[in-house]
N, C-alpha and C. Protein backbone atom coordinates (compact mmCIF):
# COMPACT_ATOMS: atom_id res chain seq x y z
N MET A 1 118.40 106.60 124.90
CA MET A 1 119.67 105.91 125.09
C MET A 1 119.86 105.78 126.59
N LEU A 2 120.46 104.60 126.93
CA LEU A 2 120.79 104.22 128.32
C LEU A 2 122.02 104.99 128.66
N LYS A 3 122.03 105.57 129.90
CA LYS A 3 123.27 106.22 130.43
C LYS A 3 123.70 105.45 131.59
N LEU A 4 125.01 105.12 131.63
CA LEU A 4 125.58 104.35 132.74
C LEU A 4 126.72 105.25 133.34
N TRP A 5 126.51 105.70 134.60
CA TRP A 5 127.57 106.44 135.35
C TRP A 5 128.46 105.49 136.04
N GLY A 6 129.75 105.65 135.80
CA GLY A 6 130.75 104.86 136.50
C GLY A 6 132.06 104.71 135.76
N ARG A 7 133.10 104.29 136.49
CA ARG A 7 134.38 104.15 135.95
C ARG A 7 134.68 102.68 135.61
N MET A 8 135.42 102.44 134.61
CA MET A 8 135.75 101.01 134.17
C MET A 8 136.61 100.27 135.17
N SER A 9 137.22 100.99 136.07
CA SER A 9 138.04 100.27 137.04
C SER A 9 137.20 99.61 138.13
N SER A 10 135.91 99.88 138.18
CA SER A 10 134.99 99.30 139.06
C SER A 10 134.42 97.94 138.53
N ILE A 11 134.61 96.82 139.27
CA ILE A 11 134.09 95.51 138.82
C ILE A 11 132.64 95.67 138.67
N ASN A 12 131.87 96.44 139.49
CA ASN A 12 130.44 96.50 139.35
C ASN A 12 130.01 97.22 138.13
N VAL A 13 130.79 98.27 137.70
CA VAL A 13 130.50 98.92 136.44
C VAL A 13 130.78 98.02 135.28
N ARG A 14 131.90 97.31 135.36
CA ARG A 14 132.23 96.39 134.25
C ARG A 14 131.17 95.29 134.07
N LYS A 15 130.62 94.85 135.18
CA LYS A 15 129.62 93.82 135.11
C LYS A 15 128.39 94.36 134.30
N VAL A 16 127.98 95.58 134.53
CA VAL A 16 126.86 96.13 133.86
C VAL A 16 127.19 96.37 132.37
N VAL A 17 128.41 96.85 132.09
CA VAL A 17 128.81 97.06 130.72
C VAL A 17 128.84 95.72 129.93
N LEU A 18 129.37 94.68 130.54
CA LEU A 18 129.33 93.38 129.91
C LEU A 18 127.97 92.88 129.65
N CYS A 19 127.11 93.03 130.57
CA CYS A 19 125.67 92.67 130.40
C CYS A 19 125.10 93.42 129.26
N ALA A 20 125.25 94.68 129.21
CA ALA A 20 124.69 95.53 128.06
C ALA A 20 125.31 95.08 126.73
N GLN A 21 126.56 94.76 126.74
CA GLN A 21 127.21 94.28 125.48
C GLN A 21 126.53 92.95 125.02
N VAL A 22 126.46 92.02 125.94
CA VAL A 22 125.85 90.72 125.61
C VAL A 22 124.47 90.86 125.13
N LEU A 23 123.74 91.85 125.70
CA LEU A 23 122.39 92.07 125.26
C LEU A 23 122.29 92.87 123.98
N GLY A 24 123.41 93.39 123.50
CA GLY A 24 123.42 94.22 122.30
C GLY A 24 122.83 95.64 122.48
N LEU A 25 122.98 96.12 123.66
CA LEU A 25 122.43 97.45 124.00
C LEU A 25 123.44 98.54 123.80
N ASP A 26 123.04 99.65 123.26
CA ASP A 26 123.88 100.86 123.18
C ASP A 26 123.77 101.65 124.51
N ILE A 27 124.90 101.88 125.11
CA ILE A 27 124.91 102.66 126.37
C ILE A 27 125.90 103.81 126.21
N GLU A 28 125.59 104.87 126.84
CA GLU A 28 126.48 105.93 126.95
C GLU A 28 127.07 105.90 128.41
N ARG A 29 128.38 105.70 128.46
CA ARG A 29 128.94 105.61 129.84
C ARG A 29 129.67 106.88 130.14
N ILE A 30 129.37 107.37 131.31
CA ILE A 30 129.90 108.57 131.81
C ILE A 30 130.87 108.33 132.97
N ASP A 31 132.11 108.69 132.87
CA ASP A 31 133.05 108.47 133.96
C ASP A 31 132.65 109.18 135.22
N ALA A 32 132.60 108.40 136.34
CA ALA A 32 132.20 109.03 137.64
C ALA A 32 132.83 108.10 138.71
N GLY A 33 133.10 108.73 139.80
CA GLY A 33 133.68 108.03 140.99
C GLY A 33 135.17 108.17 141.09
N LEU A 34 135.68 107.97 142.30
CA LEU A 34 137.11 108.15 142.62
C LEU A 34 137.68 109.40 141.97
N SER A 35 138.71 109.29 141.11
CA SER A 35 139.43 110.48 140.57
C SER A 35 138.52 111.31 139.61
N TYR A 36 137.46 110.71 139.15
CA TYR A 36 136.56 111.42 138.19
C TYR A 36 135.63 112.33 138.94
N GLY A 37 135.45 112.12 140.25
CA GLY A 37 134.58 112.97 140.98
C GLY A 37 133.09 112.62 140.60
N VAL A 38 132.33 113.69 140.45
CA VAL A 38 130.98 113.61 140.02
C VAL A 38 129.97 113.12 141.14
N VAL A 39 130.44 112.05 141.85
CA VAL A 39 129.43 111.32 142.65
C VAL A 39 129.04 112.13 143.94
N ASN A 40 129.77 113.17 144.28
CA ASN A 40 129.41 114.04 145.42
C ASN A 40 128.71 115.31 145.02
N THR A 41 128.42 115.45 143.75
CA THR A 41 127.62 116.62 143.34
C THR A 41 126.20 116.55 143.76
N PRO A 42 125.53 117.63 144.01
CA PRO A 42 124.10 117.58 144.38
C PRO A 42 123.24 116.89 143.29
N ASP A 43 123.53 117.08 142.03
CA ASP A 43 122.78 116.47 140.99
C ASP A 43 122.90 114.94 141.00
N TYR A 44 124.11 114.43 141.17
CA TYR A 44 124.34 112.97 141.28
C TYR A 44 123.70 112.44 142.54
N ARG A 45 123.85 113.09 143.69
CA ARG A 45 123.35 112.60 144.94
C ARG A 45 121.77 112.61 144.91
N ALA A 46 121.18 113.49 144.13
CA ALA A 46 119.70 113.46 143.96
C ALA A 46 119.24 112.13 143.21
N LYS A 47 120.14 111.61 142.44
CA LYS A 47 119.90 110.35 141.67
C LYS A 47 120.20 109.14 142.51
N ASN A 48 121.29 109.25 143.29
CA ASN A 48 121.81 108.14 144.04
C ASN A 48 122.34 108.70 145.42
N PHE A 49 121.59 108.64 146.47
CA PHE A 49 121.98 109.28 147.74
C PHE A 49 123.20 108.57 148.33
N ASN A 50 123.52 107.38 147.86
CA ASN A 50 124.74 106.69 148.34
C ASN A 50 126.04 107.28 147.76
N GLY A 51 125.91 107.90 146.59
CA GLY A 51 127.08 108.50 145.97
C GLY A 51 128.02 107.45 145.45
N LEU A 52 127.54 106.31 145.01
CA LEU A 52 128.31 105.25 144.51
C LEU A 52 128.04 105.01 143.04
N VAL A 53 128.87 104.21 142.37
CA VAL A 53 128.68 103.79 141.03
C VAL A 53 128.48 102.26 141.02
N PRO A 54 127.79 101.67 140.10
CA PRO A 54 127.15 102.32 138.88
C PRO A 54 125.76 102.88 139.18
N LEU A 55 125.39 103.74 138.28
CA LEU A 55 124.02 104.33 138.27
C LEU A 55 123.60 104.31 136.82
N LEU A 56 122.37 103.75 136.60
CA LEU A 56 121.78 103.63 135.24
C LEU A 56 120.63 104.58 135.11
N GLU A 57 120.58 105.32 133.98
CA GLU A 57 119.40 106.11 133.61
C GLU A 57 118.81 105.58 132.31
N ASP A 58 117.52 105.23 132.35
CA ASP A 58 116.75 104.79 131.25
C ASP A 58 115.67 105.72 131.09
N GLY A 59 115.84 106.79 130.32
CA GLY A 59 114.84 107.84 130.24
C GLY A 59 114.70 108.53 131.59
N ASP A 60 113.47 108.57 132.18
CA ASP A 60 113.22 109.18 133.44
C ASP A 60 113.45 108.21 134.58
N PHE A 61 113.73 106.98 134.28
CA PHE A 61 113.99 105.97 135.35
C PHE A 61 115.41 105.90 135.75
N THR A 62 115.72 105.90 137.02
CA THR A 62 117.07 105.80 137.57
C THR A 62 117.15 104.64 138.46
N LEU A 63 118.31 103.90 138.35
CA LEU A 63 118.46 102.65 139.08
C LEU A 63 119.96 102.60 139.54
N TRP A 64 120.23 102.25 140.73
CA TRP A 64 121.62 102.01 141.21
C TRP A 64 121.66 100.67 141.82
N GLU A 65 122.83 100.16 142.06
CA GLU A 65 123.20 98.78 142.51
C GLU A 65 123.39 97.95 141.30
N SER A 66 124.59 97.44 141.13
CA SER A 66 124.96 96.70 139.85
C SER A 66 124.06 95.46 139.61
N ASN A 67 123.80 94.62 140.64
CA ASN A 67 123.01 93.46 140.34
C ASN A 67 121.51 93.84 139.96
N ALA A 68 120.96 94.88 140.66
CA ALA A 68 119.65 95.31 140.25
C ALA A 68 119.65 95.85 138.83
N ILE A 69 120.71 96.54 138.43
CA ILE A 69 120.82 97.02 137.08
C ILE A 69 120.84 95.88 136.05
N VAL A 70 121.67 94.88 136.36
CA VAL A 70 121.79 93.70 135.50
C VAL A 70 120.45 92.96 135.38
N ARG A 71 119.78 92.75 136.48
CA ARG A 71 118.47 92.12 136.41
C ARG A 71 117.48 92.96 135.68
N TYR A 72 117.47 94.24 135.82
CA TYR A 72 116.61 95.16 135.08
C TYR A 72 116.83 95.06 133.59
N LEU A 73 118.10 95.13 133.22
CA LEU A 73 118.44 95.09 131.74
C LEU A 73 118.00 93.77 131.10
N CYS A 74 118.25 92.62 131.84
CA CYS A 74 117.92 91.37 131.36
C CYS A 74 116.40 91.14 131.27
N ALA A 75 115.64 91.64 132.28
CA ALA A 75 114.19 91.59 132.22
C ALA A 75 113.61 92.48 131.11
N ARG A 76 114.25 93.69 130.98
CA ARG A 76 113.76 94.63 130.00
C ARG A 76 113.91 94.08 128.58
N GLU A 77 114.95 93.28 128.39
CA GLU A 77 115.18 92.71 127.04
C GLU A 77 114.60 91.27 126.91
N HIS A 78 113.99 90.75 127.96
CA HIS A 78 113.52 89.37 127.96
C HIS A 78 114.57 88.38 127.62
N SER A 79 115.70 88.63 128.32
CA SER A 79 116.87 87.76 128.05
C SER A 79 116.85 86.46 128.82
N PRO A 80 117.28 85.39 128.19
CA PRO A 80 117.42 84.08 128.95
C PRO A 80 118.57 84.16 130.01
N LEU A 81 119.33 85.27 130.03
CA LEU A 81 120.30 85.38 131.12
C LEU A 81 119.62 85.51 132.43
N TYR A 82 118.37 85.95 132.40
CA TYR A 82 117.60 86.12 133.69
C TYR A 82 116.31 85.22 133.43
N PRO A 83 116.49 83.92 133.71
CA PRO A 83 115.37 82.96 133.33
C PRO A 83 114.05 83.19 134.01
N GLN A 84 113.00 82.78 133.34
CA GLN A 84 111.63 82.83 133.91
C GLN A 84 111.44 81.64 134.88
N ASP A 85 112.08 80.52 134.60
CA ASP A 85 111.92 79.37 135.51
C ASP A 85 112.56 79.73 136.91
N LEU A 86 111.82 79.61 137.97
CA LEU A 86 112.18 80.08 139.29
C LEU A 86 113.49 79.48 139.80
N GLN A 87 113.64 78.15 139.54
CA GLN A 87 114.90 77.49 140.03
C GLN A 87 116.16 77.92 139.33
N ARG A 88 115.94 78.13 138.00
CA ARG A 88 117.10 78.67 137.20
C ARG A 88 117.35 80.09 137.47
N ARG A 89 116.32 80.88 137.74
CA ARG A 89 116.54 82.23 138.17
C ARG A 89 117.27 82.37 139.50
N ALA A 90 116.82 81.51 140.43
CA ALA A 90 117.45 81.48 141.79
C ALA A 90 118.90 81.19 141.67
N ASP A 91 119.22 80.19 140.74
CA ASP A 91 120.65 79.83 140.51
C ASP A 91 121.41 81.07 139.98
N ALA A 92 120.89 81.74 139.10
CA ALA A 92 121.50 82.94 138.45
C ALA A 92 121.71 83.97 139.57
N GLU A 93 120.70 84.19 140.33
CA GLU A 93 120.81 85.20 141.43
C GLU A 93 121.75 84.83 142.47
N ARG A 94 121.92 83.57 142.74
CA ARG A 94 122.90 83.07 143.73
C ARG A 94 124.31 83.43 143.25
N TRP A 95 124.58 83.12 142.03
CA TRP A 95 125.95 83.47 141.45
C TRP A 95 126.18 84.98 141.52
N MET A 96 125.12 85.80 141.21
CA MET A 96 125.31 87.26 141.28
C MET A 96 125.58 87.69 142.64
N ASP A 97 124.86 87.14 143.57
CA ASP A 97 125.13 87.50 144.99
C ASP A 97 126.49 87.04 145.53
N TRP A 98 126.93 85.89 145.07
CA TRP A 98 128.22 85.35 145.39
C TRP A 98 129.36 86.30 144.85
N GLN A 99 129.18 86.64 143.58
CA GLN A 99 130.12 87.60 143.05
C GLN A 99 130.22 88.91 143.86
N GLN A 100 129.02 89.36 144.21
CA GLN A 100 129.02 90.70 144.93
C GLN A 100 129.71 90.64 146.23
N THR A 101 129.64 89.47 146.95
CA THR A 101 130.17 89.42 148.33
C THR A 101 131.57 88.74 148.33
N THR A 102 132.00 88.10 147.21
CA THR A 102 133.23 87.29 147.28
C THR A 102 134.34 87.92 146.43
N LEU A 103 134.04 88.41 145.27
CA LEU A 103 135.09 88.97 144.33
C LEU A 103 135.39 90.39 144.68
């Protein structure tokens, strides 16, 4: 099962949760960050030295940064949300980067 560390008050965590829901994936979400703490523990910092959320665990594989997680999940599921056509993919990535820096 996929584990997602992060709090729902984070737009970046919500983005990953929405992606997982659209893809029909079951995820276990673990509250972390701000008032939940966790992110400064040695165990969490070993997984993500930045101490930020979200953090995804897929078996032994660990990934942080919300856009990287969304891209990974879409590629893992061969989803049209992350198109194979390079121009369409570039357009999707542009909007993801815009969201990251603007919202």
